Amino acid sequence: MISASSMRARELLVTLAEDVLSERMDILAGVRQLVAVWARVEEEEGSFFLPVIAVESETDFMPTEKARSLWEPVALARREEEVAPYLEAVRPIVEAVCEEIVRRYGPSAVTRPPCPP
């Protein structure tokens, strides 16, 4: 049985994934939030999520949303220029993981009949 905490985390993952897919949330902020929430999901097979963890790790040099205001604007712009090509290159991978999150944990996952043995 899945705990209530894990169910809430799954619901939040779906919301975040949908926000990334619809571009209501930029990919870097989305990846960071997805990784933070993923730690609360009880999942036996989570290898599909590894690319998002890798992207978060590869971009950890970028300031968080809270820290951005503390950065000198020219230095921040330079960092954003550096990371932009990488984020565009990994966007399809992150979007595929987001689609899988919605498929696994979204509302239709609850009503979907089990796969035959």
C-alpha atoms as a PDB file:
ATOM      1  CA  MET A   1       0.000   0.000   0.000  1.00  0.00           C
ATOM      2  CA  ILE A   2       1.273   3.435  -0.908  1.00  0.00           C
ATOM      3  CA  SER A   3       1.418   5.952   1.929  1.00  0.00           C
ATOM      4  CA  ALA A   4      -0.612   9.165   1.872  1.00  0.00           C
ATOM      5  CA  SER A   5       2.662  11.125   1.775  1.00  0.00           C
ATOM      6  CA  SER A   6       3.808   9.250  -1.317  1.00  0.00           C
ATOM      7  CA  MET A   7       0.418   9.773  -2.984  1.00  0.00           C
ATOM      8  CA  ARG A   8       0.645  13.527  -2.378  1.00  0.00           C
ATOM      9  CA  ALA A   9       4.203  13.520  -3.756  1.00  0.00           C
ATOM     10  CA  ARG A  10       3.011  11.679  -6.866  1.00  0.00           C
ATOM     11  CA  GLU A  11       0.220  14.202  -7.379  1.00  0.00           C
ATOM     12  CA  LEU A  12       2.722  17.048  -7.060  1.00  0.00           C
ATOM     13  CA  LEU A  13       5.065  15.301  -9.521  1.00  0.00           C
ATOM     14  CA  VAL A  14       2.227  15.181 -12.056  1.00  0.00           C
ATOM     15  CA  THR A  15       1.485  18.881 -11.566  1.00  0.00           C
ATOM     16  CA  LEU A  16       5.158  19.788 -11.970  1.00  0.00           C
ATOM     17  CA  ALA A  17       5.539  17.521 -15.015  1.00  0.00           C
ATOM     18  CA  GLU A  18       2.499  19.110 -16.648  1.00  0.00           C
ATOM     19  CA  ASP A  19       3.921  22.573 -15.899  1.00  0.00           C
ATOM     20  CA  VAL A  20       7.219  21.647 -17.576  1.00  0.00           C
ATOM     21  CA  LEU A  21       5.454  20.107 -20.575  1.00  0.00           C
ATOM     22  CA  SER A  22       3.236  23.163 -21.058  1.00  0.00           C
ATOM     23  CA  GLU A  23       6.232  25.494 -20.476  1.00  0.00           C
ATOM     24  CA  ARG A  24       4.458  27.208 -17.558  1.00  0.00           C
ATOM     25  CA  MET A  25       7.677  26.367 -15.698  1.00  0.00           C
ATOM     26  CA  ASP A  26      11.146  26.655 -17.173  1.00  0.00           C
ATOM     27  CA  ILE A  27      13.052  23.437 -17.530  1.00  0.00           C
ATOM     28  CA  LEU A  28      15.743  24.171 -14.935  1.00  0.00           C
ATOM     29  CA  ALA A  29      13.272  25.129 -12.201  1.00  0.00           C
ATOM     30  CA  GLY A  30      11.144  22.131 -13.169  1.00  0.00           C
ATOM     31  CA  VAL A  31      14.027  19.680 -12.968  1.00  0.00           C
ATOM     32  CA  ARG A  32      15.043  20.989  -9.552  1.00  0.00           C
ATOM     33  CA  GLN A  33      11.525  20.753  -8.179  1.00  0.00           C
ATOM     34  CA  LEU A  34      10.933  17.315  -9.687  1.00  0.00           C
ATOM     35  CA  VAL A  35      14.096  15.970  -8.047  1.00  0.00           C
ATOM     36  CA  ALA A  36      13.134  17.465  -4.675  1.00  0.00           C
ATOM     37  CA  VAL A  37       9.693  15.838  -4.794  1.00  0.00           C
ATOM     38  CA  TRP A  38      10.956  12.526  -6.205  1.00  0.00           C
ATOM     39  CA  ALA A  39      12.744  11.860  -2.902  1.00  0.00           C
ATOM     40  CA  ARG A  40       9.306  11.498  -1.256  1.00  0.00           C
ATOM     41  CA  VAL A  41       7.866   9.066  -3.801  1.00  0.00           C
ATOM     42  CA  GLU A  42       7.796   5.416  -2.826  1.00  0.00           C
ATOM     43  CA  GLU A  43       8.744   3.728  -6.082  1.00  0.00           C
ATOM     44  CA  GLU A  44      10.268   0.300  -6.562  1.00  0.00           C
ATOM     45  CA  GLU A  45      11.319   0.907 -10.169  1.00  0.00           C
ATOM     46  CA  GLY A  46      12.398   4.461 -10.737  1.00  0.00           C
ATOM     47  CA  SER A  47      15.112   4.105 -13.345  1.00  0.00           C
ATOM     48  CA  PHE A  48      12.987   6.106 -15.805  1.00  0.00           C
ATOM     49  CA  PHE A  49      13.631   9.160 -13.567  1.00  0.00           C
ATOM     50  CA  LEU A  50      17.453   8.962 -13.686  1.00  0.00           C
ATOM     51  CA  PRO A  51      17.847  11.376 -16.630  1.00  0.00           C
ATOM     52  CA  VAL A  52      16.149  14.139 -14.613  1.00  0.00           C
ATOM     53  CA  ILE A  53      18.503  13.503 -11.698  1.00  0.00           C
ATOM     54  CA  ALA A  54      21.444  13.690 -14.125  1.00  0.00           C
ATOM     55  CA  VAL A  55      20.254  17.010 -15.592  1.00  0.00           C
ATOM     56  CA  GLU A  56      19.836  18.451 -12.104  1.00  0.00           C
ATOM     57  CA  SER A  57      23.365  17.349 -11.237  1.00  0.00           C
ATOM     58  CA  GLU A  58      24.822  18.797 -14.445  1.00  0.00           C
ATOM     59  CA  THR A  59      23.211  22.176 -13.779  1.00  0.00           C
ATOM     60  CA  ASP A  60      23.890  22.510 -10.061  1.00  0.00           C
ATOM     61  CA  PHE A  61      26.326  25.366 -10.771  1.00  0.00           C
ATOM     62  CA  MET A  62      23.370  27.559 -11.716  1.00  0.00           C
ATOM     63  CA  PRO A  63      21.974  29.729  -8.942  1.00  0.00           C
ATOM     64  CA  THR A  64      18.612  28.848  -7.454  1.00  0.00           C
ATOM     65  CA  GLU A  65      15.655  31.167  -7.992  1.00  0.00           C
ATOM     66  CA  LYS A  66      16.206  32.669  -4.524  1.00  0.00           C
ATOM     67  CA  ALA A  67      19.926  33.244  -5.130  1.00  0.00           C
ATOM     68  CA  ARG A  68      19.515  34.838  -8.568  1.00  0.00           C
ATOM     69  CA  SER A  69      18.802  38.263  -7.079  1.00  0.00           C
ATOM     70  CA  LEU A  70      22.154  38.124  -5.267  1.00  0.00           C
ATOM     71  CA  TRP A  71      24.125  37.625  -8.468  1.00  0.00           C
ATOM     72  CA  GLU A  72      25.698  40.391 -10.487  1.00  0.00           C
ATOM     73  CA  PRO A  73      23.505  40.674 -13.631  1.00  0.00           C
ATOM     74  CA  VAL A  74      26.344  40.290 -16.159  1.00  0.00           C
ATOM     75  CA  ALA A  75      27.686  37.178 -14.418  1.00  0.00           C
ATOM     76  CA  LEU A  76      24.187  35.696 -14.229  1.00  0.00           C
ATOM     77  CA  ALA A  77      23.590  36.389 -17.919  1.00  0.00           C
ATOM     78  CA  ARG A  78      26.899  34.702 -18.764  1.00  0.00           C
ATOM     79  CA  ARG A  79      25.918  31.591 -16.795  1.00  0.00           C
ATOM     80  CA  GLU A  80      22.519  31.488 -18.460  1.00  0.00           C
ATOM     81  CA  GLU A  81      24.190  31.684 -21.880  1.00  0.00           C
ATOM     82  CA  GLU A  82      26.486  28.797 -20.924  1.00  0.00           C
ATOM     83  CA  VAL A  83      23.688  26.500 -19.810  1.00  0.00           C
ATOM     84  CA  ALA A  84      21.081  27.371 -22.476  1.00  0.00           C
ATOM     85  CA  PRO A  85      22.402  25.008 -25.208  1.00  0.00           C
ATOM     86  CA  TYR A  86      22.601  22.134 -22.722  1.00  0.00           C
ATOM     87  CA  LEU A  87      19.049  22.707 -21.503  1.00  0.00           C
ATOM     88  CA  GLU A  88      17.752  22.809 -25.070  1.00  0.00           C
ATOM     89  CA  ALA A  89      19.602  19.580 -25.865  1.00  0.00           C
ATOM     90  CA  VAL A  90      18.150  17.738 -22.865  1.00  0.00           C
ATOM     91  CA  ARG A  91      14.639  19.198 -23.175  1.00  0.00           C
ATOM     92  CA  PRO A  92      13.278  16.191 -25.151  1.00  0.00           C
ATOM     93  CA  ILE A  93      14.711  13.800 -22.553  1.00  0.00           C
ATOM     94  CA  VAL A  94      13.207  15.739 -19.649  1.00  0.00           C
ATOM     95  CA  GLU A  95       9.892  16.002 -21.482  1.00  0.00           C
ATOM     96  CA  ALA A  96       9.869  12.228 -22.051  1.00  0.00           C
ATOM     97  CA  VAL A  97      10.346  11.683 -18.307  1.00  0.00           C
ATOM     98  CA  CYS A  98       7.562  14.196 -17.593  1.00  0.00           C
ATOM     99  CA  GLU A  99       5.263  12.324 -19.972  1.00  0.00           C
ATOM    100  CA  GLU A 100       6.100   9.091 -18.160  1.00  0.00           C
ATOM    101  CA  ILE A 101       5.326  10.723 -14.793  1.00  0.00           C
ATOM    102  CA  VAL A 102       1.900  11.775 -16.074  1.00  0.00           C
ATOM    103  CA  ARG A 103       1.300   8.304 -17.521  1.00  0.00           C
ATOM    104  CA  ARG A 104       2.329   6.512 -14.314  1.00  0.00           C
ATOM    105  CA  TYR A 105       0.886   8.793 -11.685  1.00  0.00           C
ATOM    106  CA  GLY A 106      -1.734  10.962 -13.394  1.00  0.00           C
ATOM    107  CA  PRO A 107      -5.479  10.558 -12.951  1.00  0.00           C
ATOM    108  CA  SER A 108      -5.812   8.070 -15.817  1.00  0.00           C
ATOM    109  CA  ALA A 109      -3.260   5.792 -14.115  1.00  0.00           C
ATOM    110  CA  VAL A 110      -5.768   5.176 -11.331  1.00  0.00           C
ATOM    111  CA  THR A 111      -8.566   4.186 -13.701  1.00  0.00           C
ATOM    112  CA  ARG A 112      -6.423   2.282 -16.209  1.00  0.00           C
ATOM    113  CA  PRO A 113      -7.072  -1.467 -16.100  1.00  0.00           C
ATOM    114  CA  PRO A 114      -4.083  -3.613 -15.131  1.00  0.00           C
ATOM    115  CA  CYS A 115      -1.960  -5.085 -17.900  1.00  0.00           C
ATOM    116  CA  PRO A 116      -2.700  -8.748 -18.593  1.00  0.00           C
ATOM    117  CA  PRO A 117      -0.104 -11.203 -17.292  1.00  0.00           C
END
